[in-house]
Amino acid sequence: MDRFAGQASLEWWANREICLEKYGIDITVTVDEVGTWRATGRHANVLDTTQQEGWDFLMEMDPHFSVVFPGEDNGGILMRVFEAEDGTLTLMEVPNGDGSVNITFDLP
């Protein structure tokens, strides 16, 4: 695959068994000659208030999502997601699938 343009979903997994949220996206992926992924996209639908709050929370906590293409079941490719102010998403493949981060936050 040199280029794919279509729909996919971003899934945020708490662990190997629990997917907390899925977001539909319109995505364009290109792969260069050495196999490096470059992907951009946008949410397929405008997020309602609750979805937007969930998205913002997950992005702040840990912006690593699995991108899952049509016809695939649970799994996908682990990506770090960056969101521009205009809503454009940039996805970068996580080397060796290592999306682990240390998170510290205060609970009320």
Protein backbone atom coordinates (compact mmCIF):
# COMPACT_ATOMS: atom_id res chain seq x y z
CA MET A 1 0.00 0.00 0.00
CA ASP A 2 1.52 3.32 -1.06
CA ARG A 3 -1.58 5.38 -0.31
CA PHE A 4 -4.95 4.88 1.32
CA ALA A 5 -7.74 7.45 1.55
CA GLY A 6 -10.96 6.50 3.27
CA GLN A 7 -12.43 5.87 6.66
CA ALA A 8 -10.93 4.22 9.71
CA SER A 9 -11.44 4.40 13.44
CA LEU A 10 -9.23 5.52 16.28
CA GLU A 11 -9.58 3.28 19.31
CA TRP A 12 -8.29 4.11 22.78
CA TRP A 13 -7.51 0.96 24.73
CA ALA A 14 -7.14 1.00 28.53
CA ASN A 15 -5.58 -2.46 28.32
CA ARG A 16 -5.68 -5.45 25.97
CA GLU A 17 -9.30 -6.16 26.85
CA ILE A 18 -11.01 -2.80 27.37
CA CYS A 19 -11.54 -0.28 24.58
CA LEU A 20 -12.77 2.93 26.21
CA GLU A 21 -13.72 4.79 23.05
CA LYS A 22 -13.80 4.64 19.26
CA TYR A 23 -13.83 7.65 16.95
CA GLY A 24 -14.57 7.47 13.23
CA ILE A 25 -12.10 9.41 11.10
CA ASP A 26 -11.55 10.26 7.47
CA ILE A 27 -7.90 9.43 6.89
CA THR A 28 -5.22 9.67 4.24
CA VAL A 29 -2.17 7.45 4.71
CA THR A 30 0.99 7.42 2.64
CA VAL A 31 3.91 5.07 3.06
CA ASP A 32 7.35 6.05 1.78
CA GLU A 33 9.94 3.77 0.19
CA VAL A 34 11.37 2.73 3.57
CA GLY A 35 7.96 1.94 5.04
CA THR A 36 7.45 5.08 7.15
CA TRP A 37 3.79 5.96 7.69
CA ARG A 38 2.48 9.47 7.30
CA ALA A 39 -1.19 9.99 8.05
CA THR A 40 -3.55 12.89 8.40
CA GLY A 41 -7.25 12.99 9.02
CA ARG A 42 -10.28 14.55 10.61
CA HIS A 43 -13.15 13.28 12.71
CA ALA A 44 -15.72 11.82 10.31
CA ASN A 45 -18.52 13.50 12.26
CA VAL A 46 -18.65 16.54 14.48
CA LEU A 47 -18.22 15.41 18.08
CA ASP A 48 -21.06 16.26 20.44
CA THR A 49 -20.24 17.85 23.80
CA THR A 50 -19.84 14.53 25.63
CA GLN A 51 -17.71 13.02 22.87
CA GLN A 52 -15.54 16.15 22.72
CA GLU A 53 -14.98 16.08 26.48
CA GLY A 54 -14.00 12.40 26.26
CA TRP A 55 -11.68 13.08 23.31
CA ASP A 56 -10.01 15.98 25.11
CA PHE A 57 -9.56 13.88 28.26
CA LEU A 58 -8.00 10.95 26.38
CA MET A 59 -5.73 13.23 24.34
CA GLU A 60 -4.49 14.90 27.51
CA MET A 61 -4.06 11.65 29.40
CA ASP A 62 -2.32 9.66 26.64
CA PRO A 63 -2.61 10.51 22.93
CA HIS A 64 -1.89 6.95 21.73
CA PHE A 65 -4.69 5.32 19.75
CA SER A 66 -4.92 2.24 17.57
CA VAL A 67 -5.97 3.05 14.03
CA VAL A 68 -8.22 0.32 12.67
CA PHE A 69 -9.09 0.12 8.98
CA PRO A 70 -12.31 -1.27 7.51
CA GLY A 71 -12.52 -5.05 7.74
CA GLU A 72 -10.08 -5.28 10.66
CA ASP A 73 -11.11 -6.39 14.11
CA ASN A 74 -9.54 -5.26 17.38
CA GLY A 75 -5.91 -4.49 16.95
CA GLY A 76 -4.77 -2.02 14.42
CA ILE A 77 -1.61 0.01 14.39
CA LEU A 78 -0.55 2.00 17.44
CA MET A 79 -0.25 5.69 16.59
CA ARG A 80 0.45 8.88 18.47
CA VAL A 81 -2.18 11.46 17.56
CA PHE A 82 -1.58 15.19 17.35
CA GLU A 83 -4.48 17.60 16.85
CA ALA A 84 -4.06 21.02 15.28
CA GLU A 85 -6.27 23.94 16.27
CA ASP A 86 -8.23 23.56 13.02
CA GLY A 87 -9.10 19.94 13.94
CA THR A 88 -6.64 18.28 11.57
CA LEU A 89 -5.22 15.08 13.04
CA THR A 90 -1.66 13.98 12.37
CA LEU A 91 -0.91 10.34 13.18
CA MET A 92 2.60 9.03 13.73
CA GLU A 93 3.30 5.33 14.02
CA VAL A 94 4.76 4.39 17.40
CA PRO A 95 8.11 2.59 16.98
CA ASN A 96 7.89 -1.02 18.10
CA GLY A 97 4.30 -0.47 19.22
CA ASP A 98 5.51 1.10 22.49
CA GLY A 99 2.86 3.60 23.49
CA SER A 100 3.47 3.35 27.18
CA VAL A 101 3.79 6.59 29.11
CA ASN A 102 3.83 7.56 32.75
CA ILE A 103 0.75 9.52 33.73
CA THR A 104 0.18 11.53 36.89
CA PHE A 105 -3.07 13.30 37.62
CA ASP A 106 -5.01 14.38 40.69
CA LEU A 107 -8.48 13.12 41.45
CA PRO A 108 -10.94 15.44 43.17
